[in-house]
Amino acid sequence: MKTKDKKELHLKSLKELNNLVNVAKDVVVGLRLDKTQNKLKNTSQLAVKRKEIAQMLTIIRGKELSEKMKKA
């Protein structure tokens, strides 16, 4: 994921980020299926997509914590 894309993720709402995570998880399932069927030529795509999901989840957690701190 490019730096520009990461910065754009920080501007999205929690709902949008959760939707993006769900879509990315569906993509990972499809990539796993393709890998087991030997259809996937670039197997590193799987690791890249999992890393993107982790980055999105980290941003989500940070936003949740910041909202929690604002309320307290």
C-alpha atoms as a PDB file:
ATOM      1  CA  MET A   1       0.000   0.000   0.000  1.00  0.00           C
ATOM      2  CA  LYS A   2       1.381   3.347  -0.978  1.00  0.00           C
ATOM      3  CA  THR A   3       1.884   6.156   1.508  1.00  0.00           C
ATOM      4  CA  LYS A   4      -0.775   8.229  -0.246  1.00  0.00           C
ATOM      5  CA  ASP A   5      -3.291   5.411   0.209  1.00  0.00           C
ATOM      6  CA  LYS A   6      -2.427   5.099   3.902  1.00  0.00           C
ATOM      7  CA  LYS A   7      -2.981   8.816   4.415  1.00  0.00           C
ATOM      8  CA  GLU A   8      -6.347   8.572   2.693  1.00  0.00           C
ATOM      9  CA  LEU A   9      -7.348   5.741   5.029  1.00  0.00           C
ATOM     10  CA  HIS A  10      -6.855   8.028   8.018  1.00  0.00           C
ATOM     11  CA  LEU A  11      -9.441  10.420   6.543  1.00  0.00           C
ATOM     12  CA  LYS A  12     -12.168   7.768   6.229  1.00  0.00           C
ATOM     13  CA  SER A  13     -14.808   7.102   8.863  1.00  0.00           C
ATOM     14  CA  LEU A  14     -14.922   3.954  10.982  1.00  0.00           C
ATOM     15  CA  LYS A  15     -17.860   2.613   8.987  1.00  0.00           C
ATOM     16  CA  GLU A  16     -16.020   3.049   5.683  1.00  0.00           C
ATOM     17  CA  LEU A  17     -12.897   1.411   7.096  1.00  0.00           C
ATOM     18  CA  ASN A  18     -14.874  -1.560   8.388  1.00  0.00           C
ATOM     19  CA  ASN A  19     -16.452  -1.981   4.953  1.00  0.00           C
ATOM     20  CA  LEU A  20     -12.995  -1.892   3.341  1.00  0.00           C
ATOM     21  CA  VAL A  21     -11.741  -4.543   5.774  1.00  0.00           C
ATOM     22  CA  ASN A  22     -14.689  -6.809   4.975  1.00  0.00           C
ATOM     23  CA  VAL A  23     -14.087  -6.452   1.245  1.00  0.00           C
ATOM     24  CA  ALA A  24     -10.369  -7.132   1.676  1.00  0.00           C
ATOM     25  CA  LYS A  25     -11.119 -10.248   3.735  1.00  0.00           C
ATOM     26  CA  ASP A  26     -13.339 -11.524   0.922  1.00  0.00           C
ATOM     27  CA  VAL A  27     -10.482 -10.920  -1.504  1.00  0.00           C
ATOM     28  CA  VAL A  28      -8.118 -12.912   0.744  1.00  0.00           C
ATOM     29  CA  VAL A  29     -10.558 -15.828   0.754  1.00  0.00           C
ATOM     30  CA  GLY A  30     -10.644 -15.729  -3.034  1.00  0.00           C
ATOM     31  CA  LEU A  31      -6.851 -15.575  -3.230  1.00  0.00           C
ATOM     32  CA  ARG A  32      -6.526 -18.563  -0.905  1.00  0.00           C
ATOM     33  CA  LEU A  33      -8.949 -20.518  -3.052  1.00  0.00           C
ATOM     34  CA  ASP A  34      -7.022 -19.607  -6.198  1.00  0.00           C
ATOM     35  CA  LYS A  35      -3.767 -20.613  -4.526  1.00  0.00           C
ATOM     36  CA  THR A  36      -5.059 -24.057  -3.575  1.00  0.00           C
ATOM     37  CA  GLN A  37      -6.301 -24.565  -7.120  1.00  0.00           C
ATOM     38  CA  ASN A  38      -2.943 -23.427  -8.528  1.00  0.00           C
ATOM     39  CA  LYS A  39      -4.583 -20.529 -10.378  1.00  0.00           C
ATOM     40  CA  LEU A  40      -2.678 -17.840  -8.492  1.00  0.00           C
ATOM     41  CA  LYS A  41       0.518 -16.877 -10.287  1.00  0.00           C
ATOM     42  CA  ASN A  42       1.715 -14.204  -7.849  1.00  0.00           C
ATOM     43  CA  THR A  43       1.416 -15.778  -4.406  1.00  0.00           C
ATOM     44  CA  SER A  44       2.850 -12.706  -2.707  1.00  0.00           C
ATOM     45  CA  GLN A  45      -0.498 -10.982  -3.329  1.00  0.00           C
ATOM     46  CA  LEU A  46      -1.867 -12.952  -0.403  1.00  0.00           C
ATOM     47  CA  ALA A  47       0.698 -11.557   2.029  1.00  0.00           C
ATOM     48  CA  VAL A  48       0.291  -8.028   0.680  1.00  0.00           C
ATOM     49  CA  LYS A  49      -3.483  -8.118   1.110  1.00  0.00           C
ATOM     50  CA  ARG A  50      -3.173  -9.473   4.669  1.00  0.00           C
ATOM     51  CA  LYS A  51      -0.748  -6.668   5.483  1.00  0.00           C
ATOM     52  CA  GLU A  52      -3.218  -4.098   4.123  1.00  0.00           C
ATOM     53  CA  ILE A  53      -5.942  -5.562   6.342  1.00  0.00           C
ATOM     54  CA  ALA A  54      -3.651  -5.299   9.357  1.00  0.00           C
ATOM     55  CA  GLN A  55      -2.910  -1.661   8.542  1.00  0.00           C
ATOM     56  CA  MET A  56      -6.611  -0.867   8.235  1.00  0.00           C
ATOM     57  CA  LEU A  57      -7.373  -2.609  11.530  1.00  0.00           C
ATOM     58  CA  THR A  58      -4.602  -0.617  13.208  1.00  0.00           C
ATOM     59  CA  ILE A  59      -6.101   2.641  11.949  1.00  0.00           C
ATOM     60  CA  ILE A  60      -9.554   1.539  13.132  1.00  0.00           C
ATOM     61  CA  ARG A  61      -8.216   0.748  16.591  1.00  0.00           C
ATOM     62  CA  GLY A  62      -6.446   4.094  16.798  1.00  0.00           C
ATOM     63  CA  LYS A  63      -9.640   5.938  15.854  1.00  0.00           C
ATOM     64  CA  GLU A  64     -11.634   3.983  18.434  1.00  0.00           C
ATOM     65  CA  LEU A  65      -9.132   4.818  21.149  1.00  0.00           C
ATOM     66  CA  SER A  66      -9.058   8.500  20.222  1.00  0.00           C
ATOM     67  CA  GLU A  67     -12.863   8.667  20.353  1.00  0.00           C
ATOM     68  CA  LYS A  68     -12.802   6.946  23.724  1.00  0.00           C
ATOM     69  CA  MET A  69     -10.286   9.482  25.044  1.00  0.00           C
ATOM     70  CA  LYS A  70     -12.413  12.375  23.780  1.00  0.00           C
ATOM     71  CA  LYS A  71     -15.441  11.073  25.668  1.00  0.00           C
ATOM     72  CA  ALA A  72     -13.535  10.624  28.930  1.00  0.00           C
END
